[in-house]
Amino acid sequence: MNHKKNRFILLFITIFVLQFYFFTDYRHFLHFLLGILISAIAIRRVRELKRQNRSGQAHLVLIIVYFVTFTLFIWYVQPLVVGLLT
Protein backbone atom coordinates (compact mmCIF):
# COMPACT_ATOMS: atom_id res chain seq x y z
CA MET A 1 0.00 0.00 0.00
CA ASN A 2 1.19 3.47 -0.67
CA HIS A 3 1.37 6.24 1.92
CA LYS A 4 -1.76 8.06 0.73
CA LYS A 5 -3.90 4.98 1.25
CA ASN A 6 -2.36 4.41 4.70
CA ARG A 7 -3.06 8.01 5.71
CA PHE A 8 -6.63 7.79 4.44
CA ILE A 9 -7.25 4.56 6.36
CA LEU A 10 -5.73 6.04 9.52
CA LEU A 11 -7.82 9.20 9.13
CA PHE A 12 -10.98 7.15 8.63
CA ILE A 13 -10.29 5.02 11.71
CA THR A 14 -9.46 8.12 13.79
CA ILE A 15 -12.68 9.86 12.76
CA PHE A 16 -14.69 6.71 13.48
CA VAL A 17 -13.14 6.27 16.93
CA LEU A 18 -13.60 9.94 17.85
CA GLN A 19 -17.21 9.85 16.66
CA PHE A 20 -17.76 6.68 18.66
CA TYR A 21 -16.15 8.28 21.73
CA PHE A 22 -17.92 11.66 21.70
CA PHE A 23 -21.38 10.81 20.38
CA THR A 24 -22.26 7.47 21.98
CA ASP A 25 -22.61 6.11 25.48
CA TYR A 26 -20.19 3.25 24.84
CA ARG A 27 -17.01 5.00 25.99
CA HIS A 28 -16.26 2.21 28.46
CA PHE A 29 -16.25 -0.32 25.63
CA LEU A 30 -13.80 1.86 23.69
CA HIS A 31 -11.53 2.17 26.76
CA PHE A 32 -11.63 -1.60 27.22
CA LEU A 33 -10.66 -2.21 23.58
CA LEU A 34 -7.88 0.36 23.85
CA GLY A 35 -6.51 -1.40 26.92
CA ILE A 36 -6.55 -4.74 25.12
CA LEU A 37 -4.79 -3.16 22.13
CA ILE A 38 -2.09 -1.63 24.36
CA SER A 39 -1.56 -4.99 26.06
CA ALA A 40 -1.30 -6.84 22.75
CA ILE A 41 1.22 -4.37 21.33
CA ALA A 42 3.26 -4.47 24.53
CA ILE A 43 3.33 -8.28 24.58
CA ARG A 44 4.57 -8.24 21.00
CA ARG A 45 7.26 -5.77 22.03
CA VAL A 46 8.31 -8.00 24.96
CA ARG A 47 8.81 -10.92 22.59
CA GLU A 48 10.86 -8.74 20.24
CA LEU A 49 13.05 -7.44 23.08
CA LYS A 50 13.65 -10.93 24.46
CA ARG A 51 14.68 -12.10 20.99
CA GLN A 52 17.23 -9.25 20.92
CA ASN A 53 18.56 -10.30 24.38
CA ARG A 54 17.38 -7.07 26.03
CA SER A 55 15.62 -8.67 28.98
CA GLY A 56 15.89 -5.58 31.22
CA GLN A 57 13.76 -3.53 28.86
CA ALA A 58 11.47 -6.50 28.31
CA HIS A 59 10.80 -6.72 32.05
CA LEU A 60 9.87 -3.03 32.17
CA VAL A 61 7.39 -3.48 29.32
CA LEU A 62 6.04 -6.61 31.00
CA ILE A 63 5.38 -4.63 34.20
CA ILE A 64 3.35 -2.16 32.13
CA VAL A 65 1.38 -5.04 30.59
CA TYR A 66 0.63 -6.42 34.06
CA PHE A 67 -0.54 -3.01 35.23
CA VAL A 68 -2.82 -2.47 32.21
CA THR A 69 -4.27 -5.98 32.51
CA PHE A 70 -4.89 -5.54 36.25
CA THR A 71 -6.57 -2.18 35.61
CA LEU A 72 -8.79 -3.67 32.90
CA PHE A 73 -9.80 -6.46 35.26
CA ILE A 74 -10.59 -4.10 38.16
CA TRP A 75 -12.47 -1.53 36.06
CA TYR A 76 -14.43 -3.76 33.70
CA VAL A 77 -14.39 -7.49 34.45
CA GLN A 78 -14.88 -7.44 38.21
CA PRO A 79 -17.93 -5.09 38.20
CA LEU A 80 -19.49 -7.16 35.42
CA VAL A 81 -19.08 -10.39 37.37
CA VAL A 82 -20.33 -8.82 40.61
CA GLY A 83 -23.33 -7.39 38.74
CA LEU A 84 -24.17 -10.79 37.29
CA LEU A 85 -23.88 -12.54 40.67
CA THR A 86 -26.09 -10.08 42.57
C-alpha atoms as a PDB file:
ATOM      1  CA  MET A   1       0.000   0.000   0.000  1.00  0.00           C
ATOM      2  CA  ASN A   2       1.189   3.474  -0.665  1.00  0.00           C
ATOM      3  CA  HIS A   3       1.367   6.239   1.918  1.00  0.00           C
ATOM      4  CA  LYS A   4      -1.763   8.063   0.727  1.00  0.00           C
ATOM      5  CA  LYS A   5      -3.895   4.980   1.254  1.00  0.00           C
ATOM      6  CA  ASN A   6      -2.365   4.414   4.696  1.00  0.00           C
ATOM      7  CA  ARG A   7      -3.064   8.009   5.707  1.00  0.00           C
ATOM      8  CA  PHE A   8      -6.631   7.790   4.443  1.00  0.00           C
ATOM      9  CA  ILE A   9      -7.254   4.556   6.356  1.00  0.00           C
ATOM     10  CA  LEU A  10      -5.726   6.037   9.523  1.00  0.00           C
ATOM     11  CA  LEU A  11      -7.816   9.204   9.134  1.00  0.00           C
ATOM     12  CA  PHE A  12     -10.982   7.154   8.629  1.00  0.00           C
ATOM     13  CA  ILE A  13     -10.288   5.022  11.711  1.00  0.00           C
ATOM     14  CA  THR A  14      -9.461   8.115  13.793  1.00  0.00           C
ATOM     15  CA  ILE A  15     -12.683   9.861  12.760  1.00  0.00           C
ATOM     16  CA  PHE A  16     -14.690   6.714  13.476  1.00  0.00           C
ATOM     17  CA  VAL A  17     -13.137   6.270  16.926  1.00  0.00           C
ATOM     18  CA  LEU A  18     -13.600   9.942  17.854  1.00  0.00           C
ATOM     19  CA  GLN A  19     -17.211   9.846  16.656  1.00  0.00           C
ATOM     20  CA  PHE A  20     -17.757   6.684  18.657  1.00  0.00           C
ATOM     21  CA  TYR A  21     -16.154   8.279  21.730  1.00  0.00           C
ATOM     22  CA  PHE A  22     -17.917  11.664  21.696  1.00  0.00           C
ATOM     23  CA  PHE A  23     -21.381  10.810  20.379  1.00  0.00           C
ATOM     24  CA  THR A  24     -22.259   7.469  21.983  1.00  0.00           C
ATOM     25  CA  ASP A  25     -22.613   6.108  25.482  1.00  0.00           C
ATOM     26  CA  TYR A  26     -20.189   3.247  24.843  1.00  0.00           C
ATOM     27  CA  ARG A  27     -17.010   4.996  25.989  1.00  0.00           C
ATOM     28  CA  HIS A  28     -16.262   2.214  28.455  1.00  0.00           C
ATOM     29  CA  PHE A  29     -16.250  -0.317  25.630  1.00  0.00           C
ATOM     30  CA  LEU A  30     -13.799   1.855  23.695  1.00  0.00           C
ATOM     31  CA  HIS A  31     -11.529   2.167  26.756  1.00  0.00           C
ATOM     32  CA  PHE A  32     -11.631  -1.599  27.224  1.00  0.00           C
ATOM     33  CA  LEU A  33     -10.661  -2.205  23.583  1.00  0.00           C
ATOM     34  CA  LEU A  34      -7.879   0.365  23.847  1.00  0.00           C
ATOM     35  CA  GLY A  35      -6.506  -1.399  26.922  1.00  0.00           C
ATOM     36  CA  ILE A  36      -6.551  -4.737  25.117  1.00  0.00           C
ATOM     37  CA  LEU A  37      -4.785  -3.158  22.133  1.00  0.00           C
ATOM     38  CA  ILE A  38      -2.093  -1.631  24.358  1.00  0.00           C
ATOM     39  CA  SER A  39      -1.562  -4.990  26.064  1.00  0.00           C
ATOM     40  CA  ALA A  40      -1.299  -6.843  22.750  1.00  0.00           C
ATOM     41  CA  ILE A  41       1.216  -4.367  21.332  1.00  0.00           C
ATOM     42  CA  ALA A  42       3.258  -4.469  24.533  1.00  0.00           C
ATOM     43  CA  ILE A  43       3.334  -8.283  24.585  1.00  0.00           C
ATOM     44  CA  ARG A  44       4.568  -8.245  20.997  1.00  0.00           C
ATOM     45  CA  ARG A  45       7.264  -5.768  22.033  1.00  0.00           C
ATOM     46  CA  VAL A  46       8.311  -8.003  24.961  1.00  0.00           C
ATOM     47  CA  ARG A  47       8.812 -10.925  22.589  1.00  0.00           C
ATOM     48  CA  GLU A  48      10.859  -8.742  20.243  1.00  0.00           C
ATOM     49  CA  LEU A  49      13.045  -7.442  23.082  1.00  0.00           C
ATOM     50  CA  LYS A  50      13.655 -10.929  24.458  1.00  0.00           C
ATOM     51  CA  ARG A  51      14.677 -12.097  20.993  1.00  0.00           C
ATOM     52  CA  GLN A  52      17.228  -9.252  20.924  1.00  0.00           C
ATOM     53  CA  ASN A  53      18.561 -10.301  24.383  1.00  0.00           C
ATOM     54  CA  ARG A  54      17.380  -7.072  26.027  1.00  0.00           C
ATOM     55  CA  SER A  55      15.622  -8.667  28.978  1.00  0.00           C
ATOM     56  CA  GLY A  56      15.888  -5.582  31.218  1.00  0.00           C
ATOM     57  CA  GLN A  57      13.763  -3.528  28.865  1.00  0.00           C
ATOM     58  CA  ALA A  58      11.469  -6.498  28.310  1.00  0.00           C
ATOM     59  CA  HIS A  59      10.802  -6.717  32.045  1.00  0.00           C
ATOM     60  CA  LEU A  60       9.866  -3.034  32.166  1.00  0.00           C
ATOM     61  CA  VAL A  61       7.388  -3.475  29.319  1.00  0.00           C
ATOM     62  CA  LEU A  62       6.038  -6.606  30.998  1.00  0.00           C
ATOM     63  CA  ILE A  63       5.379  -4.634  34.200  1.00  0.00           C
ATOM     64  CA  ILE A  64       3.347  -2.156  32.134  1.00  0.00           C
ATOM     65  CA  VAL A  65       1.380  -5.041  30.593  1.00  0.00           C
ATOM     66  CA  TYR A  66       0.627  -6.424  34.057  1.00  0.00           C
ATOM     67  CA  PHE A  67      -0.544  -3.007  35.234  1.00  0.00           C
ATOM     68  CA  VAL A  68      -2.819  -2.466  32.214  1.00  0.00           C
ATOM     69  CA  THR A  69      -4.272  -5.981  32.512  1.00  0.00           C
ATOM     70  CA  PHE A  70      -4.886  -5.540  36.248  1.00  0.00           C
ATOM     71  CA  THR A  71      -6.566  -2.177  35.608  1.00  0.00           C
ATOM     72  CA  LEU A  72      -8.794  -3.673  32.905  1.00  0.00           C
ATOM     73  CA  PHE A  73      -9.799  -6.459  35.257  1.00  0.00           C
ATOM     74  CA  ILE A  74     -10.586  -4.101  38.163  1.00  0.00           C
ATOM     75  CA  TRP A  75     -12.469  -1.529  36.062  1.00  0.00           C
ATOM     76  CA  TYR A  76     -14.427  -3.761  33.702  1.00  0.00           C
ATOM     77  CA  VAL A  77     -14.393  -7.493  34.448  1.00  0.00           C
ATOM     78  CA  GLN A  78     -14.876  -7.441  38.215  1.00  0.00           C
ATOM     79  CA  PRO A  79     -17.930  -5.089  38.198  1.00  0.00           C
ATOM     80  CA  LEU A  80     -19.491  -7.159  35.415  1.00  0.00           C
ATOM     81  CA  VAL A  81     -19.075 -10.392  37.374  1.00  0.00           C
ATOM     82  CA  VAL A  82     -20.329  -8.817  40.608  1.00  0.00           C
ATOM     83  CA  GLY A  83     -23.329  -7.392  38.740  1.00  0.00           C
ATOM     84  CA  LEU A  84     -24.168 -10.795  37.290  1.00  0.00           C
ATOM     85  CA  LEU A  85     -23.884 -12.541  40.667  1.00  0.00           C
ATOM     86  CA  THR A  86     -26.088 -10.081  42.570  1.00  0.00           C
END
